[in-house]
C-alpha atoms as a PDB file:
ATOM      1  CA  MET A   1      68.318 -33.994 -34.970  1.00  0.00           C
ATOM      2  CA  ALA A   2      67.098 -37.494 -34.117  1.00  0.00           C
ATOM      3  CA  GLU A   3      63.886 -37.822 -32.272  1.00  0.00           C
ATOM      4  CA  PRO A   4      64.403 -37.999 -28.561  1.00  0.00           C
ATOM      5  CA  ARG A   5      63.766 -41.338 -26.881  1.00  0.00           C
ATOM      6  CA  ILE A   6      62.271 -40.916 -23.401  1.00  0.00           C
ATOM      7  CA  LEU A   7      61.604 -43.637 -20.853  1.00  0.00           C
ATOM      8  CA  PHE A   8      59.730 -43.027 -17.551  1.00  0.00           C
ATOM      9  CA  VAL A   9      60.517 -45.419 -14.708  1.00  0.00           C
ATOM     10  CA  CYS A  10      58.801 -46.285 -11.485  1.00  0.00           C
ATOM     11  CA  LEU A  11      58.716 -49.348  -9.302  1.00  0.00           C
ATOM     12  CA  GLY A  12      56.026 -51.568 -10.796  1.00  0.00           C
ATOM     13  CA  ASN A  13      55.063 -49.644 -13.969  1.00  0.00           C
ATOM     14  CA  ILE A  14      51.401 -49.618 -13.156  1.00  0.00           C
ATOM     15  CA  CYS A  15      50.832 -46.161 -11.587  1.00  0.00           C
ATOM     16  CA  ARG A  16      53.464 -43.373 -11.932  1.00  0.00           C
ATOM     17  CA  SER A  17      55.432 -44.285 -15.011  1.00  0.00           C
ATOM     18  CA  PRO A  18      52.541 -45.249 -17.263  1.00  0.00           C
ATOM     19  CA  ALA A  19      50.811 -42.069 -16.078  1.00  0.00           C
ATOM     20  CA  ALA A  20      53.956 -40.011 -16.962  1.00  0.00           C
ATOM     21  CA  GLU A  21      53.985 -41.723 -20.339  1.00  0.00           C
ATOM     22  CA  GLY A  22      50.382 -40.950 -21.014  1.00  0.00           C
ATOM     23  CA  VAL A  23      50.641 -37.362 -19.831  1.00  0.00           C
ATOM     24  CA  PHE A  24      53.697 -36.737 -22.004  1.00  0.00           C
ATOM     25  CA  LEU A  25      52.018 -38.398 -25.041  1.00  0.00           C
ATOM     26  CA  HIS A  26      48.959 -36.172 -24.382  1.00  0.00           C
ATOM     27  CA  GLN A  27      51.048 -33.046 -24.173  1.00  0.00           C
ATOM     28  CA  LEU A  28      52.987 -34.024 -27.374  1.00  0.00           C
ATOM     29  CA  ALA A  29      49.735 -34.446 -29.220  1.00  0.00           C
ATOM     30  CA  GLN A  30      48.385 -31.104 -28.011  1.00  0.00           C
ATOM     31  CA  ALA A  31      51.555 -29.459 -29.363  1.00  0.00           C
ATOM     32  CA  GLY A  32      51.335 -31.369 -32.654  1.00  0.00           C
ATOM     33  CA  LEU A  33      54.557 -33.128 -31.813  1.00  0.00           C
ATOM     34  CA  GLU A  34      53.486 -36.740 -31.359  1.00  0.00           C
ATOM     35  CA  GLU A  35      55.692 -37.967 -34.203  1.00  0.00           C
ATOM     36  CA  ARG A  36      58.666 -36.197 -32.766  1.00  0.00           C
ATOM     37  CA  CYS A  37      59.439 -38.448 -29.699  1.00  0.00           C
ATOM     38  CA  VAL A  38      59.712 -42.108 -28.826  1.00  0.00           C
ATOM     39  CA  VAL A  39      58.034 -42.533 -25.396  1.00  0.00           C
ATOM     40  CA  ASP A  40      57.753 -45.592 -23.246  1.00  0.00           C
ATOM     41  CA  SER A  41      57.632 -46.626 -19.558  1.00  0.00           C
ATOM     42  CA  ALA A  42      59.050 -49.460 -17.386  1.00  0.00           C
ATOM     43  CA  GLY A  43      59.363 -50.634 -13.746  1.00  0.00           C
ATOM     44  CA  THR A  44      62.405 -51.580 -11.790  1.00  0.00           C
ATOM     45  CA  GLY A  45      60.445 -54.614 -10.655  1.00  0.00           C
ATOM     46  CA  GLY A  46      58.626 -57.274 -12.746  1.00  0.00           C
ATOM     47  CA  TRP A  47      55.617 -58.080 -10.631  1.00  0.00           C
ATOM     48  CA  HIS A  48      53.017 -56.563 -12.959  1.00  0.00           C
ATOM     49  CA  VAL A  49      54.557 -57.392 -16.386  1.00  0.00           C
ATOM     50  CA  GLY A  50      51.917 -57.390 -19.092  1.00  0.00           C
ATOM     51  CA  LYS A  51      49.197 -55.654 -17.054  1.00  0.00           C
ATOM     52  CA  PRO A  52      47.571 -52.343 -17.864  1.00  0.00           C
ATOM     53  CA  ALA A  53      47.975 -49.329 -15.563  1.00  0.00           C
ATOM     54  CA  ASP A  54      46.139 -49.463 -12.204  1.00  0.00           C
ATOM     55  CA  ARG A  55      42.458 -48.902 -12.741  1.00  0.00           C
ATOM     56  CA  ARG A  56      42.396 -46.069 -10.330  1.00  0.00           C
ATOM     57  CA  MET A  57      45.266 -44.236 -12.224  1.00  0.00           C
ATOM     58  CA  ARG A  58      43.434 -45.008 -15.617  1.00  0.00           C
ATOM     59  CA  ALA A  59      40.258 -43.540 -14.206  1.00  0.00           C
ATOM     60  CA  ALA A  60      41.950 -40.376 -12.737  1.00  0.00           C
ATOM     61  CA  ALA A  61      43.783 -39.840 -16.096  1.00  0.00           C
ATOM     62  CA  GLU A  62      40.534 -40.405 -18.115  1.00  0.00           C
ATOM     63  CA  ARG A  63      38.842 -37.676 -16.058  1.00  0.00           C
ATOM     64  CA  ARG A  64      41.533 -35.316 -17.493  1.00  0.00           C
ATOM     65  CA  GLY A  65      41.223 -36.690 -21.037  1.00  0.00           C
ATOM     66  CA  ILE A  66      44.460 -38.619 -20.859  1.00  0.00           C
ATOM     67  CA  HIS A  67      44.656 -42.189 -22.166  1.00  0.00           C
ATOM     68  CA  LEU A  68      47.144 -44.640 -20.569  1.00  0.00           C
ATOM     69  CA  PRO A  69      47.932 -47.208 -23.355  1.00  0.00           C
ATOM     70  CA  SER A  70      50.890 -49.045 -22.020  1.00  0.00           C
ATOM     71  CA  ARG A  71      51.336 -52.504 -20.514  1.00  0.00           C
ATOM     72  CA  ALA A  72      53.740 -52.932 -17.640  1.00  0.00           C
ATOM     73  CA  ARG A  73      57.240 -54.108 -18.467  1.00  0.00           C
ATOM     74  CA  GLN A  74      60.493 -54.353 -16.484  1.00  0.00           C
ATOM     75  CA  LEU A  75      63.475 -52.133 -17.219  1.00  0.00           C
ATOM     76  CA  ASP A  76      66.374 -54.061 -18.811  1.00  0.00           C
ATOM     77  CA  LEU A  77      69.895 -53.243 -19.669  1.00  0.00           C
ATOM     78  CA  ALA A  78      69.122 -52.508 -23.300  1.00  0.00           C
ATOM     79  CA  ASP A  79      67.016 -49.600 -22.194  1.00  0.00           C
ATOM     80  CA  LEU A  80      69.997 -47.855 -20.825  1.00  0.00           C
ATOM     81  CA  SER A  81      71.408 -47.317 -24.328  1.00  0.00           C
ATOM     82  CA  GLY A  82      68.076 -47.595 -26.197  1.00  0.00           C
ATOM     83  CA  PHE A  83      66.803 -44.332 -24.689  1.00  0.00           C
ATOM     84  CA  ASP A  84      68.311 -40.880 -24.511  1.00  0.00           C
ATOM     85  CA  ARG A  85      66.748 -39.872 -21.193  1.00  0.00           C
ATOM     86  CA  ILE A  86      65.419 -42.040 -18.315  1.00  0.00           C
ATOM     87  CA  LEU A  87      63.252 -40.138 -15.911  1.00  0.00           C
ATOM     88  CA  THR A  88      62.674 -41.822 -12.498  1.00  0.00           C
ATOM     89  CA  MET A  89      59.828 -41.103 -10.072  1.00  0.00           C
ATOM     90  CA  ASP A  90      61.604 -41.331  -6.719  1.00  0.00           C
ATOM     91  CA  ASP A  91      65.018 -41.826  -5.087  1.00  0.00           C
ATOM     92  CA  ASP A  92      64.704 -45.564  -4.882  1.00  0.00           C
ATOM     93  CA  ASN A  93      64.019 -45.781  -8.624  1.00  0.00           C
ATOM     94  CA  LEU A  94      66.870 -43.349  -9.355  1.00  0.00           C
ATOM     95  CA  ARG A  95      69.383 -45.452  -7.366  1.00  0.00           C
ATOM     96  CA  ALA A  96      68.069 -48.751  -8.953  1.00  0.00           C
ATOM     97  CA  VAL A  97      68.445 -47.318 -12.545  1.00  0.00           C
ATOM     98  CA  ARG A  98      71.916 -45.868 -11.722  1.00  0.00           C
ATOM     99  CA  SER A  99      73.074 -49.172 -10.278  1.00  0.00           C
ATOM    100  CA  LEU A 100      71.923 -50.982 -13.388  1.00  0.00           C
ATOM    101  CA  ALA A 101      73.808 -48.456 -15.512  1.00  0.00           C
ATOM    102  CA  ARG A 102      77.026 -49.124 -13.550  1.00  0.00           C
ATOM    103  CA  GLU A 103      76.943 -52.701 -14.840  1.00  0.00           C
ATOM    104  CA  LEU A 104      77.535 -51.287 -18.326  1.00  0.00           C
ATOM    105  CA  GLY A 105      80.486 -49.194 -17.350  1.00  0.00           C
ATOM    106  CA  ASN A 106      81.273 -45.681 -18.504  1.00  0.00           C
ATOM    107  CA  ARG A 107      79.893 -45.775 -21.968  1.00  0.00           C
ATOM    108  CA  SER A 108      79.033 -42.718 -23.998  1.00  0.00           C
ATOM    109  CA  ASP A 109      75.791 -44.200 -25.396  1.00  0.00           C
ATOM    110  CA  LEU A 110      74.028 -44.542 -22.081  1.00  0.00           C
ATOM    111  CA  ALA A 111      70.899 -42.600 -21.341  1.00  0.00           C
ATOM    112  CA  ARG A 112      70.881 -39.485 -19.096  1.00  0.00           C
ATOM    113  CA  ILE A 113      69.230 -40.648 -15.930  1.00  0.00           C
ATOM    114  CA  GLU A 114      67.498 -37.993 -13.857  1.00  0.00           C
ATOM    115  CA  PRO A 115      64.532 -37.455 -11.446  1.00  0.00           C
ATOM    116  CA  MET A 116      61.222 -36.656 -13.114  1.00  0.00           C
ATOM    117  CA  THR A 117      60.658 -33.863 -10.517  1.00  0.00           C
ATOM    118  CA  SER A 118      63.782 -31.964 -11.883  1.00  0.00           C
ATOM    119  CA  HIS A 119      61.486 -30.731 -14.579  1.00  0.00           C
ATOM    120  CA  CYS A 120      58.750 -29.409 -12.328  1.00  0.00           C
ATOM    121  CA  ARG A 121      58.166 -25.697 -12.681  1.00  0.00           C
ATOM    122  CA  ARG A 122      55.213 -25.063 -10.320  1.00  0.00           C
ATOM    123  CA  PHE A 123      55.898 -27.735  -7.635  1.00  0.00           C
ATOM    124  CA  THR A 124      58.869 -28.002  -5.371  1.00  0.00           C
ATOM    125  CA  VAL A 125      59.170 -31.621  -4.633  1.00  0.00           C
ATOM    126  CA  SER A 126      61.973 -34.224  -4.863  1.00  0.00           C
ATOM    127  CA  GLU A 127      59.816 -37.222  -5.694  1.00  0.00           C
ATOM    128  CA  VAL A 128      56.577 -38.303  -7.329  1.00  0.00           C
ATOM    129  CA  PRO A 129      54.979 -40.289  -4.455  1.00  0.00           C
ATOM    130  CA  ASP A 130      53.562 -43.768  -5.038  1.00  0.00           C
ATOM    131  CA  PRO A 131      49.797 -43.504  -4.810  1.00  0.00           C
ATOM    132  CA  TYR A 132      49.216 -47.288  -4.849  1.00  0.00           C
ATOM    133  CA  TYR A 133      48.289 -47.779  -1.199  1.00  0.00           C
ATOM    134  CA  GLY A 134      46.397 -44.526  -0.715  1.00  0.00           C
ATOM    135  CA  GLY A 135      43.190 -43.055  -1.735  1.00  0.00           C
ATOM    136  CA  ASP A 136      41.905 -41.307  -4.950  1.00  0.00           C
ATOM    137  CA  GLN A 137      43.423 -38.017  -3.986  1.00  0.00           C
ATOM    138  CA  GLY A 138      46.881 -39.520  -4.265  1.00  0.00           C
ATOM    139  CA  PHE A 139      46.355 -40.373  -7.896  1.00  0.00           C
ATOM    140  CA  GLU A 140      45.174 -36.890  -8.588  1.00  0.00           C
ATOM    141  CA  HIS A 141      48.173 -35.386  -6.845  1.00  0.00           C
ATOM    142  CA  VAL A 142      50.520 -37.618  -8.865  1.00  0.00           C
ATOM    143  CA  LEU A 143      48.878 -36.356 -12.120  1.00  0.00           C
ATOM    144  CA  ASP A 144      49.212 -32.770 -11.005  1.00  0.00           C
ATOM    145  CA  LEU A 145      52.884 -33.342 -10.479  1.00  0.00           C
ATOM    146  CA  LEU A 146      53.349 -35.213 -13.774  1.00  0.00           C
ATOM    147  CA  GLU A 147      51.560 -32.635 -15.769  1.00  0.00           C
ATOM    148  CA  ASP A 148      53.871 -29.976 -14.339  1.00  0.00           C
ATOM    149  CA  ALA A 149      57.077 -32.089 -14.867  1.00  0.00           C
ATOM    150  CA  CYS A 150      56.068 -33.274 -18.429  1.00  0.00           C
ATOM    151  CA  ALA A 151      55.450 -29.622 -19.446  1.00  0.00           C
ATOM    152  CA  GLY A 152      58.909 -28.706 -18.200  1.00  0.00           C
ATOM    153  CA  LEU A 153      60.444 -31.768 -19.956  1.00  0.00           C
ATOM    154  CA  LEU A 154      58.710 -30.890 -23.231  1.00  0.00           C
ATOM    155  CA  GLU A 155      59.973 -27.272 -22.914  1.00  0.00           C
ATOM    156  CA  SER A 156      63.499 -28.504 -22.271  1.00  0.00           C
ATOM    157  CA  LEU A 157      63.452 -30.667 -25.423  1.00  0.00           C
ATOM    158  CA  ARG A 158      62.956 -27.578 -27.570  1.00  0.00           C
ATOM    159  CA  LEU A 159      61.064 -29.567 -30.309  1.00  0.00           C
ATOM    160  CA  ARG A 160      59.424 -27.896 -33.270  1.00  0.00           C
ATOM    161  CA  ALA A 161      56.218 -28.925 -35.035  1.00  0.00           C
END
């Protein structure tokens, strides 16, 4: 089986999706599976292209021993066939990615597009909220949700070390 290619998507690619990428990479490493997946993140908008994750998100992740290595980039059409699964953080992101996918028609090589929260096991939520305009607790809550959803995603992939 080919290694799964996973893309996490939010609005600007500086808070939620780079955090999801970092959390998932961390969980893969803990399971000895870091070489078994291709993992990336992107934003539906291009305002922050080239910038690291928001400093508040990096600080919250570091307190949990999680490194956020990515630089913001914008989602493009090639991502829809370059990844197997695209996981979105909220309903707006989901609509934007599905709209982009419609531009490519009904192709069999397109990624499976789904909400990140569909993999949550402990939390019952429909979206990962954007913490950008809130306080530090919002970043912690996002990480709680992402740790839960990433664990569920990893379990669903059924990878073996």
